[in-house]
N, C-alpha and C. Protein backbone atom coordinates (compact mmCIF):
# COMPACT_ATOMS: atom_id res chain seq x y z
N MET A 1 106.52 98.13 124.54
CA MET A 1 106.47 97.55 123.20
C MET A 1 105.01 97.28 122.85
N THR A 2 104.62 97.73 121.66
CA THR A 2 103.23 97.54 121.23
C THR A 2 103.03 96.14 120.66
N ALA A 3 101.78 95.76 120.56
CA ALA A 3 101.45 94.44 119.98
C ALA A 3 101.96 94.36 118.53
N GLN A 4 101.83 95.46 117.80
CA GLN A 4 102.29 95.46 116.40
C GLN A 4 103.80 95.26 116.34
N THR A 5 104.53 95.93 117.23
CA THR A 5 105.98 95.78 117.25
C THR A 5 106.36 94.34 117.57
N THR A 6 105.66 93.73 118.52
CA THR A 6 105.92 92.34 118.88
C THR A 6 105.67 91.42 117.68
N ILE A 7 104.60 91.66 116.96
CA ILE A 7 104.27 90.85 115.78
C ILE A 7 105.32 91.06 114.70
N VAL A 8 105.69 92.30 114.45
CA VAL A 8 106.72 92.59 113.44
C VAL A 8 108.02 91.89 113.80
N ASP A 9 108.41 91.96 115.07
CA ASP A 9 109.64 91.29 115.50
C ASP A 9 109.56 89.79 115.29
N ALA A 10 108.41 89.20 115.60
CA ALA A 10 108.24 87.75 115.42
C ALA A 10 108.34 87.39 113.94
N LEU A 11 107.73 88.19 113.07
CA LEU A 11 107.78 87.92 111.64
C LEU A 11 109.20 88.08 111.09
N LYS A 12 109.92 89.07 111.59
CA LYS A 12 111.31 89.26 111.16
C LYS A 12 112.17 88.06 111.57
N ARG A 13 111.93 87.53 112.78
CA ARG A 13 112.69 86.35 113.23
C ARG A 13 112.41 85.15 112.33
N ILE A 14 111.15 84.98 111.96
CA ILE A 14 110.79 83.87 111.08
C ILE A 14 111.51 84.03 109.74
N ALA A 15 111.50 85.24 109.19
CA ALA A 15 112.19 85.48 107.91
C ALA A 15 113.68 85.18 108.05
N GLU A 16 114.28 85.63 109.14
CA GLU A 16 115.71 85.38 109.36
C GLU A 16 116.00 83.88 109.43
N ASP A 17 115.10 83.13 110.03
CA ASP A 17 115.28 81.68 110.15
C ASP A 17 115.11 80.95 108.82
N HIS A 18 114.59 81.66 107.81
CA HIS A 18 114.32 81.03 106.50
C HIS A 18 114.99 81.83 105.38
N ASP A 19 116.26 82.13 105.58
CA ASP A 19 117.07 82.80 104.56
C ASP A 19 116.49 84.14 104.10
N GLY A 20 115.86 84.87 105.02
CA GLY A 20 115.34 86.19 104.70
C GLY A 20 114.01 86.20 103.98
N ILE A 21 113.38 85.05 103.82
CA ILE A 21 112.10 84.97 103.11
C ILE A 21 110.99 84.63 104.11
N LEU A 22 109.96 85.44 104.11
CA LEU A 22 108.81 85.21 104.98
C LEU A 22 107.71 84.54 104.17
N ARG A 23 107.37 83.31 104.54
CA ARG A 23 106.34 82.55 103.83
C ARG A 23 105.15 82.29 104.75
N PRO A 24 103.94 82.34 104.20
CA PRO A 24 102.75 82.09 105.02
C PRO A 24 102.83 80.77 105.79
N ARG A 25 103.29 79.70 105.16
CA ARG A 25 103.33 78.41 105.85
C ARG A 25 104.25 78.45 107.07
N ASP A 26 105.35 79.22 107.00
CA ASP A 26 106.25 79.34 108.14
C ASP A 26 105.63 80.18 109.25
N ILE A 27 104.85 81.19 108.85
CA ILE A 27 104.15 82.02 109.84
C ILE A 27 103.14 81.17 110.60
N VAL A 28 102.33 80.41 109.87
CA VAL A 28 101.32 79.57 110.51
C VAL A 28 101.98 78.56 111.44
N GLU A 29 103.06 77.96 110.99
CA GLU A 29 103.75 76.97 111.82
C GLU A 29 104.24 77.61 113.12
N ALA A 30 104.83 78.78 113.03
CA ALA A 30 105.30 79.47 114.24
C ALA A 30 104.13 79.88 115.13
N ALA A 31 103.01 80.24 114.52
CA ALA A 31 101.85 80.71 115.28
C ALA A 31 101.13 79.59 116.00
N ARG A 32 101.39 78.35 115.66
CA ARG A 32 100.74 77.23 116.36
C ARG A 32 101.06 77.23 117.85
N ASP A 33 102.24 77.70 118.20
CA ASP A 33 102.65 77.78 119.60
C ASP A 33 101.77 78.82 120.30
N GLU A 34 101.04 78.41 121.30
CA GLU A 34 100.12 79.31 122.00
C GLU A 34 100.82 80.46 122.68
N GLU A 35 102.11 80.35 122.91
CA GLU A 35 102.89 81.43 123.52
C GLU A 35 103.36 82.46 122.48
N SER A 36 103.22 82.14 121.22
CA SER A 36 103.66 83.03 120.15
C SER A 36 102.77 84.27 120.09
N PRO A 37 103.35 85.45 119.87
CA PRO A 37 102.53 86.65 119.70
C PRO A 37 101.65 86.58 118.44
N LEU A 38 101.95 85.64 117.58
CA LEU A 38 101.18 85.47 116.35
C LEU A 38 99.94 84.59 116.54
N HIS A 39 99.93 83.79 117.59
CA HIS A 39 98.88 82.78 117.79
C HIS A 39 97.48 83.39 117.73
N SER A 40 97.28 84.52 118.38
CA SER A 40 95.94 85.13 118.46
C SER A 40 95.49 85.75 117.14
N GLN A 41 96.37 85.82 116.17
CA GLN A 41 96.02 86.41 114.88
C GLN A 41 95.33 85.41 113.95
N PHE A 42 95.21 84.17 114.40
CA PHE A 42 94.65 83.11 113.55
C PHE A 42 93.42 82.48 114.20
N ASP A 43 92.56 81.95 113.35
CA ASP A 43 91.38 81.20 113.79
C ASP A 43 91.79 79.73 113.84
N TRP A 44 91.87 79.18 115.04
CA TRP A 44 92.34 77.81 115.21
C TRP A 44 91.19 76.81 115.26
N ASP A 45 89.95 77.29 115.18
CA ASP A 45 88.79 76.41 115.12
C ASP A 45 88.63 75.99 113.65
N ASP A 46 88.85 74.71 113.36
CA ASP A 46 88.87 74.25 111.98
C ASP A 46 87.56 74.48 111.23
N SER A 47 86.43 74.43 111.92
CA SER A 47 85.16 74.61 111.20
C SER A 47 84.98 76.08 110.78
N THR A 48 85.26 77.02 111.66
CA THR A 48 85.12 78.43 111.25
C THR A 48 86.24 78.83 110.30
N ALA A 49 87.43 78.31 110.49
CA ALA A 49 88.54 78.62 109.58
C ALA A 49 88.24 78.09 108.18
N ALA A 50 87.62 76.92 108.09
CA ALA A 50 87.27 76.35 106.79
C ALA A 50 86.25 77.23 106.08
N GLU A 51 85.28 77.73 106.80
CA GLU A 51 84.27 78.61 106.20
C GLU A 51 84.92 79.90 105.72
N LYS A 52 85.82 80.47 106.51
CA LYS A 52 86.54 81.68 106.10
C LYS A 52 87.35 81.41 104.83
N HIS A 53 87.95 80.24 104.77
CA HIS A 53 88.73 79.89 103.59
C HIS A 53 87.83 79.77 102.36
N ARG A 54 86.65 79.18 102.50
CA ARG A 54 85.73 79.08 101.37
C ARG A 54 85.29 80.47 100.90
N LEU A 55 85.06 81.39 101.84
CA LEU A 55 84.70 82.76 101.47
C LEU A 55 85.86 83.42 100.72
N TRP A 56 87.07 83.19 101.17
CA TRP A 56 88.25 83.72 100.49
C TRP A 56 88.31 83.14 99.07
N GLN A 57 88.05 81.84 98.93
CA GLN A 57 88.06 81.22 97.60
C GLN A 57 86.99 81.84 96.70
N ALA A 58 85.83 82.13 97.25
CA ALA A 58 84.76 82.75 96.47
C ALA A 58 85.18 84.14 96.00
N ARG A 59 85.84 84.91 96.88
CA ARG A 59 86.33 86.23 96.47
C ARG A 59 87.37 86.09 95.37
N GLN A 60 88.26 85.12 95.51
CA GLN A 60 89.28 84.91 94.48
C GLN A 60 88.66 84.55 93.15
N LEU A 61 87.63 83.72 93.18
CA LEU A 61 86.95 83.32 91.96
C LEU A 61 86.38 84.54 91.22
N THR A 62 85.74 85.44 91.96
CA THR A 62 85.15 86.61 91.31
C THR A 62 86.21 87.57 90.80
N ARG A 63 87.39 87.56 91.40
CA ARG A 63 88.46 88.48 90.99
C ARG A 63 89.18 88.06 89.72
N VAL A 64 89.18 86.80 89.39
CA VAL A 64 89.98 86.33 88.26
C VAL A 64 89.21 86.17 86.96
N LEU A 65 87.91 86.26 87.00
CA LEU A 65 87.12 86.07 85.78
C LEU A 65 87.20 87.31 84.89
N VAL A 66 87.60 87.10 83.64
CA VAL A 66 87.71 88.22 82.70
C VAL A 66 86.97 87.92 81.42
N THR A 67 86.60 88.98 80.74
CA THR A 67 86.04 88.92 79.41
C THR A 67 86.85 89.90 78.58
N PHE A 68 86.72 89.86 77.29
CA PHE A 68 87.45 90.81 76.45
C PHE A 68 86.47 91.81 75.87
N GLU A 69 86.78 93.08 76.07
CA GLU A 69 85.92 94.18 75.63
C GLU A 69 86.73 95.11 74.75
N PRO A 70 86.03 95.83 73.85
CA PRO A 70 86.77 96.79 73.02
C PRO A 70 87.27 97.97 73.86
N GLY A 71 88.53 98.29 73.68
CA GLY A 71 89.13 99.42 74.39
C GLY A 71 89.38 100.57 73.43
N VAL A 72 90.32 101.43 73.79
CA VAL A 72 90.67 102.57 72.94
C VAL A 72 91.13 102.06 71.58
N GLY A 73 90.58 102.63 70.54
CA GLY A 73 90.94 102.22 69.18
C GLY A 73 90.35 100.89 68.77
N GLY A 74 89.39 100.37 69.55
CA GLY A 74 88.75 99.12 69.20
C GLY A 74 89.54 97.87 69.56
N LYS A 75 90.74 98.03 70.09
CA LYS A 75 91.56 96.88 70.49
C LYS A 75 90.88 96.15 71.65
N MET A 76 90.80 94.84 71.54
CA MET A 76 90.16 94.05 72.59
C MET A 76 91.09 93.95 73.80
N ILE A 77 90.56 94.30 74.96
CA ILE A 77 91.36 94.28 76.19
C ILE A 77 90.66 93.44 77.25
N PRO A 78 91.42 92.81 78.14
CA PRO A 78 90.78 92.04 79.21
C PRO A 78 90.09 92.97 80.20
N CYS A 79 88.93 92.56 80.65
CA CYS A 79 88.15 93.33 81.61
C CYS A 79 87.57 92.36 82.63
N ARG A 80 87.70 92.69 83.89
CA ARG A 80 87.11 91.82 84.92
C ARG A 80 85.60 91.79 84.77
N VAL A 81 85.03 90.62 84.93
CA VAL A 81 83.59 90.45 84.81
C VAL A 81 82.88 91.11 85.99
N PHE A 82 83.49 91.01 87.16
CA PHE A 82 82.91 91.58 88.38
C PHE A 82 83.86 92.61 88.98
N THR A 83 83.29 93.60 89.63
CA THR A 83 84.10 94.61 90.31
C THR A 83 83.50 94.88 91.68
N SER A 84 84.36 95.29 92.59
CA SER A 84 83.93 95.61 93.94
C SER A 84 84.09 97.11 94.15
N LEU A 85 82.98 97.80 94.37
CA LEU A 85 83.02 99.23 94.65
C LEU A 85 83.15 99.44 96.16
N THR A 86 83.78 100.52 96.54
CA THR A 86 84.02 100.78 97.96
C THR A 86 82.78 100.60 98.83
N PRO A 87 81.62 101.15 98.45
CA PRO A 87 80.44 100.97 99.32
C PRO A 87 80.01 99.51 99.50
N ASP A 88 80.41 98.63 98.57
CA ASP A 88 80.00 97.23 98.63
C ASP A 88 80.98 96.36 99.42
N ARG A 89 82.10 96.91 99.83
CA ARG A 89 83.18 96.10 100.40
C ARG A 89 82.95 95.70 101.85
N GLU A 90 82.07 96.36 102.54
CA GLU A 90 81.81 95.99 103.94
C GLU A 90 81.33 94.54 104.02
N ASP A 91 80.59 94.12 103.01
CA ASP A 91 80.08 92.75 102.97
C ASP A 91 80.68 91.96 101.81
N SER A 92 81.87 92.38 101.35
CA SER A 92 82.57 91.72 100.23
C SER A 92 81.69 91.58 99.00
N GLY A 93 80.98 92.63 98.66
CA GLY A 93 80.07 92.57 97.51
C GLY A 93 80.75 92.89 96.19
N TYR A 94 80.22 92.31 95.13
CA TYR A 94 80.71 92.53 93.77
C TYR A 94 79.54 92.85 92.86
N ARG A 95 79.81 93.62 91.82
CA ARG A 95 78.81 93.97 90.82
C ARG A 95 79.34 93.57 89.44
N VAL A 96 78.44 93.37 88.50
CA VAL A 96 78.85 93.08 87.12
C VAL A 96 79.46 94.37 86.56
N THR A 97 80.70 94.27 86.11
CA THR A 97 81.43 95.45 85.64
C THR A 97 80.70 96.19 84.53
N ALA A 98 80.14 95.45 83.58
CA ALA A 98 79.44 96.09 82.46
C ALA A 98 78.28 96.95 82.98
N ALA A 99 77.57 96.48 83.99
CA ALA A 99 76.46 97.25 84.56
C ALA A 99 76.98 98.50 85.27
N VAL A 100 78.12 98.36 85.95
CA VAL A 100 78.73 99.51 86.63
C VAL A 100 79.10 100.58 85.61
N MET A 101 79.67 100.14 84.48
CA MET A 101 80.10 101.09 83.45
C MET A 101 78.91 101.82 82.83
N ASP A 102 77.73 101.20 82.83
CA ASP A 102 76.54 101.81 82.25
C ASP A 102 75.80 102.73 83.21
N ASP A 103 76.13 102.69 84.50
CA ASP A 103 75.45 103.51 85.50
C ASP A 103 76.37 104.68 85.87
N PRO A 104 75.97 105.92 85.59
CA PRO A 104 76.87 107.06 85.82
C PRO A 104 77.38 107.17 87.27
N ALA A 105 76.53 106.95 88.24
CA ALA A 105 76.96 107.06 89.64
C ALA A 105 77.95 105.94 90.01
N GLN A 106 77.64 104.72 89.57
CA GLN A 106 78.54 103.60 89.87
C GLN A 106 79.86 103.74 89.12
N ARG A 107 79.79 104.23 87.89
CA ARG A 107 81.01 104.46 87.12
C ARG A 107 81.88 105.52 87.81
N ALA A 108 81.24 106.57 88.31
CA ALA A 108 81.98 107.61 89.04
C ALA A 108 82.64 107.02 90.29
N GLN A 109 81.93 106.12 90.98
CA GLN A 109 82.51 105.47 92.16
C GLN A 109 83.69 104.60 91.75
N MET A 110 83.55 103.88 90.63
CA MET A 110 84.66 103.05 90.15
C MET A 110 85.88 103.92 89.82
N LEU A 111 85.63 105.05 89.21
CA LEU A 111 86.71 105.98 88.89
C LEU A 111 87.38 106.50 90.17
N ALA A 112 86.59 106.85 91.16
CA ALA A 112 87.15 107.29 92.45
C ALA A 112 87.96 106.17 93.09
N ASP A 113 87.46 104.94 93.00
CA ASP A 113 88.19 103.79 93.55
C ASP A 113 89.51 103.59 92.82
N ALA A 114 89.48 103.75 91.48
CA ALA A 114 90.71 103.59 90.69
C ALA A 114 91.72 104.66 91.08
N TYR A 115 91.26 105.87 91.27
CA TYR A 115 92.18 106.93 91.67
C TYR A 115 92.75 106.66 93.06
N ALA A 116 91.92 106.16 93.96
CA ALA A 116 92.42 105.82 95.30
C ALA A 116 93.48 104.72 95.21
N ASP A 117 93.28 103.77 94.30
CA ASP A 117 94.29 102.73 94.07
C ASP A 117 95.60 103.35 93.58
N MET A 118 95.49 104.34 92.69
CA MET A 118 96.70 105.00 92.20
C MET A 118 97.43 105.71 93.35
N ARG A 119 96.67 106.32 94.23
CA ARG A 119 97.30 107.00 95.38
C ARG A 119 97.99 105.99 96.28
N ARG A 120 97.36 104.84 96.51
CA ARG A 120 97.98 103.81 97.35
C ARG A 120 99.25 103.29 96.68
N PHE A 121 99.19 103.09 95.36
CA PHE A 121 100.37 102.65 94.61
C PHE A 121 101.51 103.65 94.80
N ARG A 122 101.17 104.91 94.66
CA ARG A 122 102.20 105.95 94.81
C ARG A 122 102.79 105.93 96.22
N LEU A 123 101.97 105.85 97.23
CA LEU A 123 102.47 105.82 98.60
C LEU A 123 103.34 104.59 98.86
N LYS A 124 102.95 103.48 98.28
CA LYS A 124 103.70 102.24 98.50
C LYS A 124 105.06 102.28 97.84
N TYR A 125 105.15 102.91 96.66
CA TYR A 125 106.39 102.86 95.88
C TYR A 125 107.06 104.23 95.71
N GLN A 126 106.70 105.22 96.51
CA GLN A 126 107.23 106.57 96.31
C GLN A 126 108.74 106.65 96.45
N HIS A 127 109.35 105.69 97.09
CA HIS A 127 110.80 105.68 97.28
C HIS A 127 111.55 105.19 96.03
N LEU A 128 110.84 104.72 95.02
CA LEU A 128 111.47 104.23 93.80
C LEU A 128 111.53 105.36 92.76
N VAL A 129 112.68 106.01 92.66
CA VAL A 129 112.81 107.15 91.75
C VAL A 129 112.58 106.74 90.30
N GLU A 130 112.74 105.46 89.99
CA GLU A 130 112.51 104.98 88.63
C GLU A 130 111.05 105.15 88.20
N LEU A 131 110.15 105.35 89.15
CA LEU A 131 108.73 105.50 88.84
C LEU A 131 108.28 106.97 88.82
N ALA A 132 109.22 107.89 88.82
CA ALA A 132 108.89 109.32 88.88
C ALA A 132 107.93 109.73 87.76
N LYS A 133 108.12 109.22 86.55
CA LYS A 133 107.24 109.59 85.44
C LYS A 133 105.83 109.05 85.64
N VAL A 134 105.73 107.88 86.25
CA VAL A 134 104.40 107.32 86.56
C VAL A 134 103.70 108.23 87.56
N PHE A 135 104.44 108.68 88.58
CA PHE A 135 103.85 109.56 89.59
C PHE A 135 103.44 110.90 88.98
N GLU A 136 104.22 111.40 88.03
CA GLU A 136 103.86 112.63 87.33
C GLU A 136 102.55 112.44 86.57
N ALA A 137 102.40 111.27 85.93
CA ALA A 137 101.16 110.98 85.19
C ALA A 137 99.97 110.91 86.15
N ILE A 138 100.18 110.32 87.33
CA ILE A 138 99.12 110.27 88.34
C ILE A 138 98.73 111.69 88.74
N ASP A 139 99.72 112.55 88.94
CA ASP A 139 99.44 113.94 89.30
C ASP A 139 98.64 114.64 88.20
N ASP A 140 99.00 114.37 86.93
CA ASP A 140 98.29 114.98 85.81
C ASP A 140 96.83 114.53 85.78
N VAL A 141 96.61 113.24 86.00
CA VAL A 141 95.25 112.69 86.01
C VAL A 141 94.47 113.27 87.18
N GLN A 142 95.11 113.39 88.32
CA GLN A 142 94.45 113.91 89.53
C GLN A 142 93.83 115.27 89.26
N GLY A 143 94.53 116.12 88.55
CA GLY A 143 94.02 117.45 88.28
C GLY A 143 92.87 117.49 87.30
N SER A 144 92.73 116.47 86.48
CA SER A 144 91.72 116.50 85.42
C SER A 144 90.45 115.71 85.74
N LEU A 145 90.48 114.84 86.75
CA LEU A 145 89.31 114.03 87.06
C LEU A 145 88.40 114.70 88.07
N VAL A 146 87.12 114.56 87.83
CA VAL A 146 86.13 115.11 88.75
C VAL A 146 85.12 114.02 89.05
N PHE A 147 84.81 113.84 90.33
CA PHE A 147 83.88 112.82 90.80
C PHE A 147 82.73 113.53 91.51
N LYS A 148 81.56 113.52 90.90
CA LYS A 148 80.38 114.17 91.47
C LYS A 148 80.67 115.62 91.86
N GLY A 149 81.40 116.35 90.98
CA GLY A 149 81.68 117.75 91.22
C GLY A 149 82.80 118.01 92.22
N VAL A 150 83.46 116.97 92.66
CA VAL A 150 84.55 117.10 93.63
C VAL A 150 85.80 116.54 92.99
N SER A 151 86.95 117.17 93.24
CA SER A 151 88.18 116.66 92.66
C SER A 151 88.46 115.27 93.17
N MET A 152 89.19 114.48 92.38
CA MET A 152 89.55 113.12 92.79
C MET A 152 90.34 113.14 94.09
N GLU A 153 91.20 114.13 94.27
CA GLU A 153 91.98 114.20 95.51
C GLU A 153 91.05 114.35 96.71
N GLU A 154 90.03 115.21 96.60
CA GLU A 154 89.08 115.39 97.70
C GLU A 154 88.22 114.13 97.88
N ALA A 155 87.81 113.53 96.77
CA ALA A 155 86.91 112.37 96.83
C ALA A 155 87.59 111.17 97.47
N THR A 156 88.92 111.09 97.35
CA THR A 156 89.63 109.92 97.85
C THR A 156 90.55 110.25 99.00
N ALA A 157 90.34 111.37 99.65
CA ALA A 157 91.24 111.81 100.73
C ALA A 157 91.33 110.79 101.85
N ASP A 158 90.29 110.02 102.07
CA ASP A 158 90.30 109.03 103.16
C ASP A 158 90.80 107.67 102.73
N ALA A 159 91.34 107.56 101.53
CA ALA A 159 91.83 106.27 101.04
C ALA A 159 92.91 105.72 101.95
N THR A 160 92.79 104.46 102.30
CA THR A 160 93.78 103.84 103.16
C THR A 160 94.90 103.25 102.33
N VAL A 161 96.05 103.15 102.93
CA VAL A 161 97.23 102.60 102.24
C VAL A 161 97.26 101.12 102.40
């Protein structure tokens, strides 16, 4: 049995014990037991865990800030103030979205990232036949987008699910 299988089994047991619902607070409570296969997945040092939590809060803050910009037909649409491009994610970096949109190379990277997100969406929900038309639209877009002279499919082939 692999470590992942052991963790999955532990999480399934927790869900079963809570009417089929898996909640973070129940996972943490079960993981407090040092014998739990989940225990090693958490930082139990309160000072380092607190710092990690503050970093998570900072990431959340940058993700929720929006401004309204003119979209297609001049209609005002919400736009995130900051965006994270794939090359910046190793250090959880963010850029001002407006600046990214004005820089051709960064805009191309944002487009490649958006297409990779679409591919992940498709992989996650491919079993839902109700979304077949959405997947067809993704396929149509895939054929028409080019990122630095390379098709979007080639540019995002290494996208993780």
